[in-house]
Every structure is written in C-alpha cells, then in structure tokens.
Amino acid sequence: MAPLKIGAALKIDALDTHRDWLFGDKRDLELQDFIFAEVYREGWQSTVDRAKAAIDGFEGRLGIHGPFIGLDIACADPDTAEVIGKRYAEAVEAAAALGATQMVIHSPFNNWHEYNRFNFIQPGFSSVVEKVTADVKNVLSRALQLGETHGVQMVLENIQDITPQIRREMVEIIDSPALALSIDTGHAQIAQRASDAPPVDVYVRDAGNMLKHVHLQDTDGYADRHWAPGEGHIEWLEVFRALATLESAPHLVLELKRHEDIPAGFAYLQSIGAAV
C-alpha cells in the first residue's frame, strides 16, 4: 500500500497556522466558511475575496463545504424547495468564483429511508429511494447545471445514512458529472455502532471510483467527535488500504474539531504508513 497525500478542512482564519504544511506540499484544502447562512445573506463575494487573499500562492486541490444547516436537499414542498435550491446554486457560484472544484453537501438519507425503502411507495416510483432522488434532483437542478458549466462537483457526504449503497444509488440515478460521493469516516463509524452499519472501509469499497472526497476524522462511535485519527476506534489501516485501490484520487482532508490537532492526526497516519 502506497501512502496517500492528505490535507485539511479549515476556516479561513485558521489557515496561517497550517500554511507551510498545506501550501508547501500542495495538499488538499477545503474551506468551511461557506457553510453559514450569513455568507449568502450578506453576499458571498466578500467571503470569496477574503478567501482568495488567504490562499494566495496555494497550488493544491481546492474545495469548499457547502451550506446545510436547515436545508433539506430532498425537500418535497415546492415553495420551500425553490428557496433551498437557490441557496445551493449561490454556493456553487461562490465556489466557482473562488476557483474551487468541489463542494461538499449533506445526504438526505437516514435509517427511516433504509427500513422503509419498499414501504410508503408513492405512485410512479418503485421505492422510497427513487422518490427521494427525484426530489433531490428537483432541488439541485440549478446547482447541477451551474456545477457542470463551471466545473464544480458537489460531493454527497454520508450523515445519518446506515448503508453505503443508498447514496450511491441516488448518484447513479441522477448521473451528472456535477455530483459524486463523499465519505465522512466518523459518521460511518457512528452508523456502525448505532445501526449495525458496515465498517468504514466498506463505505470506501462500495463507493469505488465514484468517491471523490473524504473527511478524515476519528470517533468512539458514540458521538460525532471529529477527533484526530488514532484517538478513536476506526481501523485506519484498512480504510487506507481501500482508498489505495481507487483510481478516482479523492480529496482527502482532516476535518477535526480542534484544528490544532492536525499535526497529531497527520503524524499518526504517517506512523502506520497510511499518509504522507
């Protein structure tokens, strides 16, 4: 197994602390300031300008974390769906203006969808997953168009999903170059403990080359800890063995609760031969 280069997910104000590590080795970078509603209420250009100044000279792969708070990408109410869709379209425009090629978005699926996959089926659909997919495609229609035009790919992160297949099925059905898969390792580990989901490496193997992004974080499986790798229960060596088989070269970023723990998390992954 060849070790893989990893980077980090950070807010703009934390960049200077890790600048040499990120910039010197052209590591993956995900800016997380674009999560928040005030960025869009006040006009996203000022945040883009601030980010551009902070990343001047950066030559690695760049992404942002898109908005998600209070935003259900599977919203079936037409009026509300229009508002949510507008926000995601704005975020893609902001990513394009920044020069980012990725935007993380959150999965709409939870255990209810899994257990009721063939229950409560609505006319015209063969499963709950099909109906949710249709709603997501409606909400994200403008964002997908913009993503295809500007080369910004939305990557769908597991949140409350209890199987890896359900998001993959949705991305396969939508079949747009502007939509791919993301995995959050900690979320997958929580699903294993809470809902008997498969281990994290299975999420990677199921996604295959549709996987374009990974949040690297550790946890005890009880809560969304966002600890540094090595502090929780994830079998990191097997996760990286799975990642090493991919040809899709997903962005790999440490997404930690305390950004000052990035050196320790990186050192641990280096020590097991997983990361460089």
Protein backbone atom coordinates (compact mmCIF):
# COMPACT_ATOMS: atom_id res chain seq x y z
CA MET A 1 0.00 0.00 0.00
CA ALA A 2 1.44 3.35 -1.07
CA PRO A 3 0.80 6.15 1.45
CA LEU A 4 -1.55 8.91 0.28
CA LYS A 5 -1.18 12.66 0.50
CA ILE A 6 -3.73 14.27 2.81
CA GLY A 7 -4.77 17.82 3.57
CA ALA A 8 -7.26 19.57 5.82
CA ALA A 9 -10.65 21.24 6.10
CA LEU A 10 -10.34 24.63 7.76
CA LYS A 11 -11.90 28.04 8.19
CA ILE A 12 -10.07 30.92 6.58
CA ASP A 13 -8.85 32.31 9.91
CA ALA A 14 -7.06 29.03 10.76
CA LEU A 15 -5.10 28.81 7.52
CA ASP A 16 -1.99 30.64 8.67
CA THR A 17 -1.32 28.07 11.40
CA HIS A 18 -1.02 25.28 8.84
CA ARG A 19 0.10 27.29 5.82
CA ASP A 20 3.57 25.79 5.38
CA TRP A 21 2.26 22.21 5.61
CA LEU A 22 -0.64 22.81 3.23
CA PHE A 23 1.00 25.10 0.71
CA GLY A 24 4.48 23.62 0.63
CA ASP A 25 3.28 20.16 -0.35
CA LYS A 26 0.28 21.24 -2.44
CA ARG A 27 -2.14 19.41 -0.17
CA ASP A 28 -5.92 19.22 -0.49
CA LEU A 29 -7.73 22.13 1.15
CA GLU A 30 -11.41 22.55 1.97
CA LEU A 31 -12.63 25.94 3.16
CA GLN A 32 -15.57 25.70 5.55
CA ASP A 33 -16.68 29.32 5.88
CA PHE A 34 -19.25 28.77 3.11
CA ILE A 35 -21.42 26.64 5.39
CA PHE A 36 -23.03 29.61 7.09
CA ALA A 37 -26.19 31.45 6.04
CA GLU A 38 -24.76 34.90 6.75
CA VAL A 39 -22.21 34.41 3.96
CA TYR A 40 -25.08 34.39 1.46
CA ARG A 41 -27.37 36.90 3.15
CA GLU A 42 -24.61 39.48 3.04
CA GLY A 43 -23.44 38.46 -0.45
CA TRP A 44 -20.80 35.76 -0.88
CA GLN A 45 -18.32 37.91 -2.80
CA SER A 46 -16.74 39.37 0.35
CA THR A 47 -16.05 35.89 1.72
CA VAL A 48 -14.60 34.81 -1.63
CA ASP A 49 -12.35 37.89 -1.64
CA ARG A 50 -11.15 37.14 1.89
CA ALA A 51 -10.52 33.51 0.98
CA LYS A 52 -8.62 34.43 -2.19
CA ALA A 53 -6.30 36.67 -0.21
CA ALA A 54 -5.70 33.91 2.34
CA ILE A 55 -4.90 31.22 -0.25
CA ASP A 56 -2.70 33.36 -2.47
CA GLY A 57 0.04 31.06 -3.74
CA PHE A 58 -1.86 27.85 -2.98
CA GLU A 59 -1.43 25.24 -5.73
CA GLY A 60 -3.20 22.21 -4.27
CA ARG A 61 -6.73 20.99 -4.94
CA LEU A 62 -9.36 23.33 -3.53
CA GLY A 63 -12.92 22.71 -2.34
CA ILE A 64 -15.49 24.27 -0.05
CA HIS A 65 -18.06 22.87 2.33
CA GLY A 66 -21.45 24.00 1.11
CA PRO A 67 -24.38 25.12 3.26
CA PHE A 68 -26.55 22.55 5.02
CA ILE A 69 -27.98 24.00 8.24
CA GLY A 70 -31.78 23.83 7.92
CA LEU A 71 -31.52 22.85 4.25
CA ASP A 72 -33.00 19.52 3.17
CA ILE A 73 -31.89 18.71 -0.37
CA ALA A 74 -34.81 16.23 -0.60
CA CYS A 75 -37.46 18.80 0.29
CA ALA A 76 -40.72 17.87 -1.44
CA ASP A 77 -42.60 21.11 -0.76
CA PRO A 78 -42.35 23.15 -4.00
CA ASP A 79 -42.12 26.60 -2.40
CA THR A 80 -39.53 25.58 0.19
CA ALA A 81 -37.60 23.55 -2.39
CA GLU A 82 -37.22 26.68 -4.50
CA VAL A 83 -35.61 28.59 -1.62
CA ILE A 84 -33.26 25.72 -0.78
CA GLY A 85 -32.30 25.25 -4.42
CA LYS A 86 -31.44 28.95 -4.70
CA ARG A 87 -29.06 28.68 -1.75
CA TYR A 88 -27.21 25.72 -3.27
CA ALA A 89 -26.96 27.47 -6.62
CA GLU A 90 -25.47 30.51 -4.88
CA ALA A 91 -22.94 28.29 -3.14
CA VAL A 92 -21.84 26.71 -6.43
CA GLU A 93 -21.41 30.20 -7.89
CA ALA A 94 -19.28 31.16 -4.89
CA ALA A 95 -17.15 28.03 -5.29
CA ALA A 96 -16.63 28.78 -8.99
CA ALA A 97 -15.65 32.39 -8.25
CA LEU A 98 -13.10 31.14 -5.71
CA GLY A 99 -11.65 28.61 -8.12
CA ALA A 100 -12.79 25.58 -6.10
CA THR A 101 -13.60 22.38 -7.97
CA GLN A 102 -15.59 20.67 -5.20
CA MET A 103 -18.42 21.47 -2.83
CA VAL A 104 -19.45 19.15 0.00
CA ILE A 105 -23.20 18.69 0.53
CA HIS A 106 -25.10 16.53 3.01
CA SER A 107 -27.03 13.33 2.34
CA PRO A 108 -30.79 13.42 2.97
CA PHE A 109 -30.97 9.74 3.98
CA ASN A 110 -31.45 8.24 7.43
CA ASN A 111 -32.49 4.90 8.88
CA TRP A 112 -36.17 5.60 8.15
CA HIS A 113 -35.42 5.59 4.42
CA GLU A 114 -33.49 2.35 4.72
CA TYR A 115 -36.14 0.50 6.74
CA ASN A 116 -38.98 1.87 4.61
CA ARG A 117 -37.28 1.50 1.25
CA PHE A 118 -40.25 -0.52 -0.10
CA ASN A 119 -42.86 0.86 2.26
CA PHE A 120 -44.94 4.04 1.71
CA ILE A 121 -44.17 3.88 -2.02
CA GLN A 122 -45.78 6.75 -3.89
CA PRO A 123 -47.42 6.38 -7.31
CA GLY A 124 -44.91 6.48 -10.14
CA PHE A 125 -41.97 5.31 -8.01
CA SER A 126 -40.66 1.83 -7.25
CA SER A 127 -39.07 2.71 -3.90
CA VAL A 128 -38.62 5.45 -1.34
CA VAL A 129 -35.11 5.95 -2.69
CA GLU A 130 -36.49 6.71 -6.16
CA LYS A 131 -38.85 9.34 -4.74
CA VAL A 132 -36.13 10.97 -2.63
CA THR A 133 -33.84 11.02 -5.66
CA ALA A 134 -36.49 12.79 -7.75
CA ASP A 135 -36.90 15.43 -5.02
CA VAL A 136 -33.13 15.93 -4.74
CA LYS A 137 -32.81 16.32 -8.50
CA ASN A 138 -35.54 18.96 -8.42
CA VAL A 139 -33.98 20.91 -5.54
CA LEU A 140 -30.46 20.79 -7.01
CA SER A 141 -31.38 21.25 -10.67
CA ARG A 142 -29.93 24.75 -10.98
CA ALA A 143 -26.89 23.92 -8.84
CA LEU A 144 -26.18 20.87 -11.01
CA GLN A 145 -26.41 22.95 -14.17
CA LEU A 146 -24.03 25.54 -12.74
CA GLY A 147 -21.69 22.84 -11.49
CA GLU A 148 -21.48 21.26 -14.94
CA THR A 149 -20.87 24.67 -16.53
CA HIS A 150 -18.21 25.85 -14.08
CA GLY A 151 -16.53 22.56 -13.25
CA VAL A 152 -17.67 22.45 -9.63
CA GLN A 153 -18.55 18.95 -8.47
CA MET A 154 -20.87 18.52 -5.49
CA VAL A 155 -19.82 15.58 -3.32
CA LEU A 156 -22.53 13.91 -1.23
CA GLU A 157 -21.42 13.19 2.34
CA ASN A 158 -22.96 10.46 4.50
CA ILE A 159 -24.64 11.94 7.58
CA GLN A 160 -27.28 9.65 9.08
CA ASP A 161 -27.01 7.01 6.35
CA ILE A 162 -26.82 3.46 7.69
CA THR A 163 -25.71 1.80 4.44
CA PRO A 164 -23.22 2.99 1.86
CA GLN A 165 -25.37 1.82 -1.06
CA ILE A 166 -28.25 4.25 -0.69
CA ARG A 167 -26.31 7.40 -1.62
CA ARG A 168 -24.50 5.60 -4.41
CA GLU A 169 -27.82 4.53 -5.92
CA MET A 170 -29.03 8.13 -5.89
CA VAL A 171 -25.87 9.48 -7.52
CA GLU A 172 -26.07 6.76 -10.17
CA ILE A 173 -29.68 7.66 -10.97
CA ILE A 174 -29.00 11.42 -11.21
CA ASP A 175 -25.97 10.66 -13.39
CA SER A 176 -24.40 14.12 -13.54
CA PRO A 177 -20.69 14.98 -13.69
CA ALA A 178 -21.52 17.63 -11.10
CA LEU A 179 -22.44 15.04 -8.44
CA ALA A 180 -20.22 12.39 -6.85
CA LEU A 181 -19.71 10.70 -3.49
CA SER A 182 -18.04 11.80 -0.28
CA ILE A 183 -17.43 9.78 2.88
CA ASP A 184 -17.11 11.09 6.40
CA THR A 185 -15.22 8.37 8.27
CA GLY A 186 -16.58 9.36 11.67
CA HIS A 187 -20.19 9.39 10.51
CA ALA A 188 -19.74 5.92 9.06
CA GLN A 189 -18.25 4.68 12.34
CA ILE A 190 -21.21 6.08 14.29
CA ALA A 191 -23.60 4.29 11.94
CA GLN A 192 -21.76 1.04 12.58
CA ARG A 193 -22.24 1.35 16.34
CA ALA A 194 -25.76 2.78 16.32
CA SER A 195 -27.33 0.89 13.42
CA ASP A 196 -25.09 -2.11 12.71
CA ALA A 197 -23.77 -0.50 9.54
CA PRO A 198 -20.69 -1.98 7.85
CA PRO A 199 -17.20 -0.75 8.82
CA VAL A 200 -15.73 2.37 7.28
CA ASP A 201 -13.60 0.59 4.68
CA VAL A 202 -16.76 -0.99 3.22
CA TYR A 203 -18.15 2.51 2.56
CA VAL A 204 -14.99 3.19 0.56
CA ARG A 205 -15.14 -0.09 -1.35
CA ASP A 206 -18.84 0.33 -2.15
CA ALA A 207 -18.32 3.87 -3.48
CA GLY A 208 -15.42 2.77 -5.68
CA ASN A 209 -14.32 5.34 -8.21
CA MET A 210 -17.45 7.41 -7.62
CA LEU A 211 -15.69 8.52 -4.41
CA LYS A 212 -14.15 11.96 -4.91
CA HIS A 213 -13.82 13.29 -1.35
CA VAL A 214 -13.22 12.03 2.20
CA HIS A 215 -13.49 13.74 5.58
CA LEU A 216 -10.92 12.04 7.81
CA GLN A 217 -11.97 12.11 11.46
CA ASP A 218 -11.97 9.61 14.30
CA THR A 219 -14.60 8.82 16.91
CA ASP A 220 -15.58 6.37 19.60
CA GLY A 221 -18.79 5.71 17.65
CA TYR A 222 -20.94 7.38 20.29
CA ALA A 223 -20.93 10.98 19.04
CA ASP A 224 -19.62 12.99 16.11
CA ARG A 225 -16.30 13.63 17.85
CA HIS A 226 -14.12 14.84 14.99
CA TRP A 227 -11.06 13.59 16.87
CA ALA A 228 -7.65 13.21 15.29
CA PRO A 229 -7.02 9.80 13.71
CA GLY A 230 -5.70 7.40 16.35
CA GLU A 231 -7.87 8.76 19.15
CA GLY A 232 -10.97 6.70 18.37
CA HIS A 233 -11.95 3.26 17.14
CA ILE A 234 -11.62 3.45 13.35
CA GLU A 235 -9.44 0.81 11.66
CA TRP A 236 -7.39 3.33 9.72
CA LEU A 237 -5.01 0.94 8.04
CA GLU A 238 -7.88 -0.91 6.37
CA VAL A 239 -9.54 2.38 5.37
CA PHE A 240 -6.36 3.47 3.60
CA ARG A 241 -5.90 0.05 2.04
CA ALA A 242 -9.32 0.56 0.47
CA LEU A 243 -8.53 4.14 -0.59
CA ALA A 244 -5.28 2.98 -2.20
CA THR A 245 -7.21 0.78 -4.66
CA LEU A 246 -9.10 3.71 -6.17
CA GLU A 247 -8.27 5.46 -9.41
CA SER A 248 -10.54 8.44 -8.63
CA ALA A 249 -7.95 10.13 -6.37
CA PRO A 250 -10.46 11.59 -3.89
CA HIS A 251 -9.64 14.75 -1.98
CA LEU A 252 -8.51 13.57 1.49
CA VAL A 253 -8.90 16.15 4.27
CA LEU A 254 -8.62 16.02 8.03
CA GLU A 255 -11.83 17.55 9.41
CA LEU A 256 -11.11 17.94 13.12
CA LYS A 257 -12.94 19.65 15.95
CA ARG A 258 -9.69 21.30 17.04
CA HIS A 259 -7.58 22.41 14.09
CA GLU A 260 -4.52 22.41 16.34
CA ASP A 261 -4.80 18.59 16.41
CA ILE A 262 -4.00 18.35 12.68
CA PRO A 263 -0.27 17.69 13.23
CA ALA A 264 -1.02 14.85 15.67
CA GLY A 265 -3.58 13.26 13.36
CA PHE A 266 -1.22 13.51 10.41
CA ALA A 267 1.65 12.07 12.46
CA TYR A 268 -0.45 9.08 13.47
CA LEU A 269 -1.43 8.29 9.87
CA GLN A 270 2.21 8.69 8.86
CA SER A 271 3.29 6.31 11.63
CA ILE A 272 1.12 3.48 10.25
CA GLY A 273 2.30 4.07 6.69
CA ALA A 274 -1.06 5.45 5.51
CA ALA A 275 -0.29 9.09 4.74
CA VAL A 276 2.41 11.41 3.50
